[in-house]
Amino acid sequence: MSLDANRSALRRSLADGLLRRGPLEAVATTIIAAGVVMLMQPFSLTLYSWSFATTLLGTVMFTIVSKVRE
């Protein structure tokens, strides 16, 4: 097998392992949860300010990931 074929096979196996619905949904859900925690914490105005954007990012990511193959 040539070097290019090995790289292609490695890239495909990484994509099959990482670009699956389950792990990506878990990441999106974690980002949503982090945004909600940032929204409810009383200590940092900066965290509070970024909470909506973080929650929105997680929601958009979850919506996109739900279209990825099983």
PDB file of N, CA and C in Angstrom:
ATOM      1  N   MET A   1       0.841  -1.179   0.000  1.00  0.00           N
ATOM      2  CA  MET A   1       0.000   0.000   0.000  1.00  0.00           C
ATOM      3  C   MET A   1       0.890   1.247   0.000  1.00  0.00           C
ATOM      4  N   SER A   2       0.519   2.225  -0.771  1.00  0.00           N
ATOM      5  CA  SER A   2       1.334   3.430  -0.865  1.00  0.00           C
ATOM      6  C   SER A   2       1.067   4.352   0.324  1.00  0.00           C
ATOM      7  N   LEU A   3       1.907   5.342   0.458  1.00  0.00           N
ATOM      8  CA  LEU A   3       1.775   6.301   1.550  1.00  0.00           C
ATOM      9  C   LEU A   3       0.473   7.074   1.443  1.00  0.00           C
ATOM     10  N   ASP A   4       0.082   7.477   0.227  1.00  0.00           N
ATOM     11  CA  ASP A   4      -1.177   8.204   0.040  1.00  0.00           C
ATOM     12  C   ASP A   4      -2.379   7.348   0.417  1.00  0.00           C
ATOM     13  N   ALA A   5      -2.334   6.074   0.089  1.00  0.00           N
ATOM     14  CA  ALA A   5      -3.432   5.174   0.438  1.00  0.00           C
ATOM     15  C   ALA A   5      -3.523   5.005   1.947  1.00  0.00           C
ATOM     16  N   ASN A   6      -2.380   4.928   2.615  1.00  0.00           N
ATOM     17  CA  ASN A   6      -2.373   4.824   4.071  1.00  0.00           C
ATOM     18  C   ASN A   6      -2.953   6.079   4.707  1.00  0.00           C
ATOM     19  N   ARG A   7      -2.570   7.246   4.195  1.00  0.00           N
ATOM     20  CA  ARG A   7      -3.101   8.503   4.730  1.00  0.00           C
ATOM     21  C   ARG A   7      -4.595   8.600   4.508  1.00  0.00           C
ATOM     22  N   SER A   8      -5.041   8.176   3.335  1.00  0.00           N
ATOM     23  CA  SER A   8      -6.463   8.220   3.019  1.00  0.00           C
ATOM     24  C   SER A   8      -7.246   7.290   3.945  1.00  0.00           C
ATOM     25  N   ALA A   9      -6.722   6.096   4.183  1.00  0.00           N
ATOM     26  CA  ALA A   9      -7.386   5.148   5.069  1.00  0.00           C
ATOM     27  C   ALA A   9      -7.419   5.676   6.497  1.00  0.00           C
ATOM     28  N   LEU A  10      -6.321   6.292   6.947  1.00  0.00           N
ATOM     29  CA  LEU A  10      -6.278   6.859   8.293  1.00  0.00           C
ATOM     30  C   LEU A  10      -7.278   8.001   8.425  1.00  0.00           C
ATOM     31  N   ARG A  11      -7.339   8.848   7.409  1.00  0.00           N
ATOM     32  CA  ARG A  11      -8.279   9.976   7.430  1.00  0.00           C
ATOM     33  C   ARG A  11      -9.715   9.476   7.488  1.00  0.00           C
ATOM     34  N   ARG A  12     -10.031   8.432   6.711  1.00  0.00           N
ATOM     35  CA  ARG A  12     -11.376   7.872   6.718  1.00  0.00           C
ATOM     36  C   ARG A  12     -11.722   7.270   8.071  1.00  0.00           C
ATOM     37  N   SER A  13     -10.772   6.561   8.683  1.00  0.00           N
ATOM     38  CA  SER A  13     -11.054   5.944   9.984  1.00  0.00           C
ATOM     39  C   SER A  13     -11.223   6.999  11.067  1.00  0.00           C
ATOM     40  N   LEU A  14     -10.448   8.075  11.010  1.00  0.00           N
ATOM     41  CA  LEU A  14     -10.629   9.163  11.969  1.00  0.00           C
ATOM     42  C   LEU A  14     -11.972   9.834  11.780  1.00  0.00           C
ATOM     43  N   ALA A  15     -12.353  10.067  10.525  1.00  0.00           N
ATOM     44  CA  ALA A  15     -13.636  10.701  10.247  1.00  0.00           C
ATOM     45  C   ALA A  15     -14.777   9.806  10.703  1.00  0.00           C
ATOM     46  N   ASP A  16     -14.643   8.497  10.488  1.00  0.00           N
ATOM     47  CA  ASP A  16     -15.701   7.587  10.928  1.00  0.00           C
ATOM     48  C   ASP A  16     -15.810   7.550  12.447  1.00  0.00           C
ATOM     49  N   GLY A  17     -14.692   7.696  13.135  1.00  0.00           N
ATOM     50  CA  GLY A  17     -14.715   7.651  14.593  1.00  0.00           C
ATOM     51  C   GLY A  17     -15.131   8.960  15.226  1.00  0.00           C
ATOM     52  N   LEU A  18     -14.678  10.075  14.676  1.00  0.00           N
ATOM     53  CA  LEU A  18     -14.934  11.377  15.299  1.00  0.00           C
ATOM     54  C   LEU A  18     -16.189  12.062  14.775  1.00  0.00           C
ATOM     55  N   LEU A  19     -16.507  11.856  13.517  1.00  0.00           N
ATOM     56  CA  LEU A  19     -17.640  12.547  12.926  1.00  0.00           C
ATOM     57  C   LEU A  19     -18.891  11.685  12.968  1.00  0.00           C
ATOM     58  N   ARG A  20     -19.154  11.137  14.115  1.00  0.00           N
ATOM     59  CA  ARG A  20     -20.356  10.342  14.323  1.00  0.00           C
ATOM     60  C   ARG A  20     -21.335  11.167  15.124  1.00  0.00           C
ATOM     61  N   ARG A  21     -22.586  10.815  15.032  1.00  0.00           N
ATOM     62  CA  ARG A  21     -23.622  11.594  15.693  1.00  0.00           C
ATOM     63  C   ARG A  21     -23.479  11.578  17.213  1.00  0.00           C
ATOM     64  N   GLY A  22     -23.217  10.433  17.788  1.00  0.00           N
ATOM     65  CA  GLY A  22     -23.162  10.315  19.250  1.00  0.00           C
ATOM     66  C   GLY A  22     -22.159  11.236  19.917  1.00  0.00           C
ATOM     67  N   PRO A  23     -20.872  11.158  19.546  1.00  0.00           N
ATOM     68  CA  PRO A  23     -19.880  12.024  20.187  1.00  0.00           C
ATOM     69  C   PRO A  23     -20.114  13.508  19.923  1.00  0.00           C
ATOM     70  N   LEU A  24     -20.550  13.849  18.713  1.00  0.00           N
ATOM     71  CA  LEU A  24     -20.785  15.258  18.403  1.00  0.00           C
ATOM     72  C   LEU A  24     -22.007  15.801  19.145  1.00  0.00           C
ATOM     73  N   GLU A  25     -23.040  14.971  19.313  1.00  0.00           N
ATOM     74  CA  GLU A  25     -24.192  15.401  20.106  1.00  0.00           C
ATOM     75  C   GLU A  25     -23.793  15.610  21.559  1.00  0.00           C
ATOM     76  N   ALA A  26     -22.903  14.764  22.064  1.00  0.00           N
ATOM     77  CA  ALA A  26     -22.440  14.926  23.440  1.00  0.00           C
ATOM     78  C   ALA A  26     -21.677  16.236  23.613  1.00  0.00           C
ATOM     79  N   VAL A  27     -20.855  16.586  22.638  1.00  0.00           N
ATOM     80  CA  VAL A  27     -20.117  17.849  22.692  1.00  0.00           C
ATOM     81  C   VAL A  27     -21.089  19.024  22.637  1.00  0.00           C
ATOM     82  N   ALA A  28     -22.062  18.962  21.733  1.00  0.00           N
ATOM     83  CA  ALA A  28     -23.043  20.044  21.611  1.00  0.00           C
ATOM     84  C   ALA A  28     -23.854  20.200  22.894  1.00  0.00           C
ATOM     85  N   THR A  29     -24.246  19.086  23.495  1.00  0.00           N
ATOM     86  CA  THR A  29     -25.007  19.137  24.738  1.00  0.00           C
ATOM     87  C   THR A  29     -24.167  19.722  25.867  1.00  0.00           C
ATOM     88  N   THR A  30     -22.888  19.395  25.895  1.00  0.00           N
ATOM     89  CA  THR A  30     -21.989  19.950  26.909  1.00  0.00           C
ATOM     90  C   THR A  30     -21.841  21.460  26.738  1.00  0.00           C
ATOM     91  N   ILE A  31     -21.761  21.925  25.494  1.00  0.00           N
ATOM     92  CA  ILE A  31     -21.662  23.368  25.243  1.00  0.00           C
ATOM     93  C   ILE A  31     -22.940  24.071  25.682  1.00  0.00           C
ATOM     94  N   ILE A  32     -24.096  23.475  25.415  1.00  0.00           N
ATOM     95  CA  ILE A  32     -25.364  24.057  25.862  1.00  0.00           C
ATOM     96  C   ILE A  32     -25.397  24.130  27.382  1.00  0.00           C
ATOM     97  N   ALA A  33     -24.995  23.052  28.036  1.00  0.00           N
ATOM     98  CA  ALA A  33     -24.993  23.032  29.505  1.00  0.00           C
ATOM     99  C   ALA A  33     -24.031  24.072  30.066  1.00  0.00           C
ATOM    100  N   ALA A  34     -22.875  24.233  29.431  1.00  0.00           N
ATOM    101  CA  ALA A  34     -21.923  25.249  29.881  1.00  0.00           C
ATOM    102  C   ALA A  34     -22.524  26.642  29.747  1.00  0.00           C
ATOM    103  N   GLY A  35     -23.246  26.889  28.661  1.00  0.00           N
ATOM    104  CA  GLY A  35     -23.901  28.182  28.484  1.00  0.00           C
ATOM    105  C   GLY A  35     -24.955  28.452  29.548  1.00  0.00           C
ATOM    106  N   VAL A  36     -25.707  27.438  29.913  1.00  0.00           N
ATOM    107  CA  VAL A  36     -26.727  27.608  30.957  1.00  0.00           C
ATOM    108  C   VAL A  36     -26.073  27.862  32.311  1.00  0.00           C
ATOM    109  N   VAL A  37     -24.999  27.141  32.601  1.00  0.00           N
ATOM    110  CA  VAL A  37     -24.268  27.366  33.862  1.00  0.00           C
ATOM    111  C   VAL A  37     -23.696  28.781  33.883  1.00  0.00           C
ATOM    112  N   MET A  38     -23.150  29.216  32.748  1.00  0.00           N
ATOM    113  CA  MET A  38     -22.614  30.584  32.663  1.00  0.00           C
ATOM    114  C   MET A  38     -23.729  31.615  32.905  1.00  0.00           C
ATOM    115  N   LEU A  39     -24.922  31.313  32.441  1.00  0.00           N
ATOM    116  CA  LEU A  39     -26.052  32.220  32.614  1.00  0.00           C
ATOM    117  C   LEU A  39     -26.470  32.329  34.071  1.00  0.00           C
ATOM    118  N   MET A  40     -26.365  31.241  34.817  1.00  0.00           N
ATOM    119  CA  MET A  40     -26.883  31.221  36.188  1.00  0.00           C
ATOM    120  C   MET A  40     -25.852  31.551  37.257  1.00  0.00           C
ATOM    121  N   GLN A  41     -24.582  31.649  36.886  1.00  0.00           N
ATOM    122  CA  GLN A  41     -23.565  31.927  37.905  1.00  0.00           C
ATOM    123  C   GLN A  41     -23.583  33.418  38.273  1.00  0.00           C
ATOM    124  N   PRO A  42     -23.360  33.745  39.553  1.00  0.00           N
ATOM    125  CA  PRO A  42     -23.448  35.143  39.992  1.00  0.00           C
ATOM    126  C   PRO A  42     -22.101  35.859  40.128  1.00  0.00           C
ATOM    127  N   PHE A  43     -21.002  35.278  39.637  1.00  0.00           N
ATOM    128  CA  PHE A  43     -19.679  35.798  39.961  1.00  0.00           C
ATOM    129  C   PHE A  43     -19.043  36.655  38.880  1.00  0.00           C
ATOM    130  N   SER A  44     -19.257  36.329  37.617  1.00  0.00           N
ATOM    131  CA  SER A  44     -18.521  36.991  36.549  1.00  0.00           C
ATOM    132  C   SER A  44     -19.482  37.561  35.504  1.00  0.00           C
ATOM    133  N   LEU A  45     -19.388  38.858  35.292  1.00  0.00           N
ATOM    134  CA  LEU A  45     -20.216  39.501  34.279  1.00  0.00           C
ATOM    135  C   LEU A  45     -19.783  39.077  32.873  1.00  0.00           C
ATOM    136  N   THR A  46     -18.506  38.794  32.695  1.00  0.00           N
ATOM    137  CA  THR A  46     -18.015  38.349  31.388  1.00  0.00           C
ATOM    138  C   THR A  46     -18.620  36.999  31.015  1.00  0.00           C
ATOM    139  N   LEU A  47     -18.633  36.055  31.954  1.00  0.00           N
ATOM    140  CA  LEU A  47     -19.254  34.760  31.686  1.00  0.00           C
ATOM    141  C   LEU A  47     -20.737  34.926  31.380  1.00  0.00           C
ATOM    142  N   TYR A  48     -21.409  35.768  32.146  1.00  0.00           N
ATOM    143  CA  TYR A  48     -22.819  36.024  31.919  1.00  0.00           C
ATOM    144  C   TYR A  48     -23.039  36.629  30.533  1.00  0.00           C
ATOM    145  N   SER A  49     -22.161  37.530  30.129  1.00  0.00           N
ATOM    146  CA  SER A  49     -22.288  38.184  28.833  1.00  0.00           C
ATOM    147  C   SER A  49     -22.145  37.203  27.675  1.00  0.00           C
ATOM    148  N   TRP A  50     -21.289  36.213  27.813  1.00  0.00           N
ATOM    149  CA  TRP A  50     -21.058  35.244  26.759  1.00  0.00           C
ATOM    150  C   TRP A  50     -21.998  34.036  26.829  1.00  0.00           C
ATOM    151  N   SER A  51     -22.846  33.965  27.845  1.00  0.00           N
ATOM    152  CA  SER A  51     -23.681  32.782  28.039  1.00  0.00           C
ATOM    153  C   SER A  51     -24.675  32.573  26.900  1.00  0.00           C
ATOM    154  N   PHE A  52     -25.295  33.642  26.412  1.00  0.00           N
ATOM    155  CA  PHE A  52     -26.264  33.487  25.330  1.00  0.00           C
ATOM    156  C   PHE A  52     -25.584  32.989  24.068  1.00  0.00           C
ATOM    157  N   ALA A  53     -24.445  33.566  23.733  1.00  0.00           N
ATOM    158  CA  ALA A  53     -23.721  33.148  22.527  1.00  0.00           C
ATOM    159  C   ALA A  53     -23.283  31.686  22.637  1.00  0.00           C
ATOM    160  N   THR A  54     -22.850  31.278  23.822  1.00  0.00           N
ATOM    161  CA  THR A  54     -22.419  29.894  24.034  1.00  0.00           C
ATOM    162  C   THR A  54     -23.592  28.936  23.888  1.00  0.00           C
ATOM    163  N   THR A  55     -24.720  29.283  24.499  1.00  0.00           N
ATOM    164  CA  THR A  55     -25.905  28.438  24.392  1.00  0.00           C
ATOM    165  C   THR A  55     -26.395  28.372  22.951  1.00  0.00           C
ATOM    166  N   LEU A  56     -26.359  29.495  22.267  1.00  0.00           N
ATOM    167  CA  LEU A  56     -26.775  29.522  20.866  1.00  0.00           C
ATOM    168  C   LEU A  56     -25.849  28.671  19.998  1.00  0.00           C
ATOM    169  N   LEU A  57     -24.550  28.769  20.223  1.00  0.00           N
ATOM    170  CA  LEU A  57     -23.588  27.953  19.490  1.00  0.00           C
ATOM    171  C   LEU A  57     -23.877  26.468  19.688  1.00  0.00           C
ATOM    172  N   GLY A  58     -24.102  26.062  20.921  1.00  0.00           N
ATOM    173  CA  GLY A  58     -24.405  24.657  21.202  1.00  0.00           C
ATOM    174  C   GLY A  58     -25.694  24.205  20.548  1.00  0.00           C
ATOM    175  N   THR A  59     -26.694  25.073  20.532  1.00  0.00           N
ATOM    176  CA  THR A  59     -27.972  24.735  19.913  1.00  0.00           C
ATOM    177  C   THR A  59     -27.835  24.586  18.400  1.00  0.00           C
ATOM    178  N   VAL A  60     -27.130  25.515  17.771  1.00  0.00           N
ATOM    179  CA  VAL A  60     -26.905  25.427  16.324  1.00  0.00           C
ATOM    180  C   VAL A  60     -26.087  24.187  15.994  1.00  0.00           C
ATOM    181  N   MET A  61     -25.067  23.918  16.803  1.00  0.00           N
ATOM    182  CA  MET A  61     -24.240  22.740  16.581  1.00  0.00           C
ATOM    183  C   MET A  61     -25.074  21.466  16.713  1.00  0.00           C
ATOM    184  N   PHE A  62     -25.937  21.414  17.716  1.00  0.00           N
ATOM    185  CA  PHE A  62     -26.784  20.238  17.911  1.00  0.00           C
ATOM    186  C   PHE A  62     -27.732  20.053  16.732  1.00  0.00           C
ATOM    187  N   THR A  63     -28.274  21.149  16.224  1.00  0.00           N
ATOM    188  CA  THR A  63     -29.181  21.075  15.082  1.00  0.00           C
ATOM    189  C   THR A  63     -28.465  20.539  13.845  1.00  0.00           C
ATOM    190  N   ILE A  64     -27.249  21.005  13.611  1.00  0.00           N
ATOM    191  CA  ILE A  64     -26.481  20.538  12.455  1.00  0.00           C
ATOM    192  C   ILE A  64     -26.075  19.083  12.634  1.00  0.00           C
ATOM    193  N   VAL A  65     -25.621  18.744  13.840  1.00  0.00           N
ATOM    194  CA  VAL A  65     -25.153  17.381  14.102  1.00  0.00           C
ATOM    195  C   VAL A  65     -26.291  16.374  13.992  1.00  0.00           C
ATOM    196  N   SER A  66     -27.497  16.794  14.299  1.00  0.00           N
ATOM    197  CA  SER A  66     -28.616  15.855  14.212  1.00  0.00           C
ATOM    198  C   SER A  66     -28.877  15.416  12.774  1.00  0.00           C
ATOM    199  N   LYS A  67     -28.292  16.116  11.794  1.00  0.00           N
ATOM    200  CA  LYS A  67     -28.420  15.733  10.390  1.00  0.00           C
ATOM    201  C   LYS A  67     -27.301  14.800   9.934  1.00  0.00           C
ATOM    202  N   VAL A  68     -26.281  14.596  10.776  1.00  0.00           N
ATOM    203  CA  VAL A  68     -25.149  13.735  10.437  1.00  0.00           C
ATOM    204  C   VAL A  68     -25.600  12.279  10.507  1.00  0.00           C
ATOM    205  N   ARG A  69     -24.970  11.444   9.679  1.00  0.00           N
ATOM    206  CA  ARG A  69     -25.351  10.032   9.664  1.00  0.00           C
ATOM    207  C   ARG A  69     -25.116   9.360  11.010  1.00  0.00           C
ATOM    208  N   GLU A  70     -25.863   8.342  11.252  1.00  0.00           N
ATOM    209  CA  GLU A  70     -25.819   7.609  12.520  1.00  0.00           C
ATOM    210  C   GLU A  70     -24.554   6.871  12.702  1.00  0.00           C
TER     211      GLU A  70
END
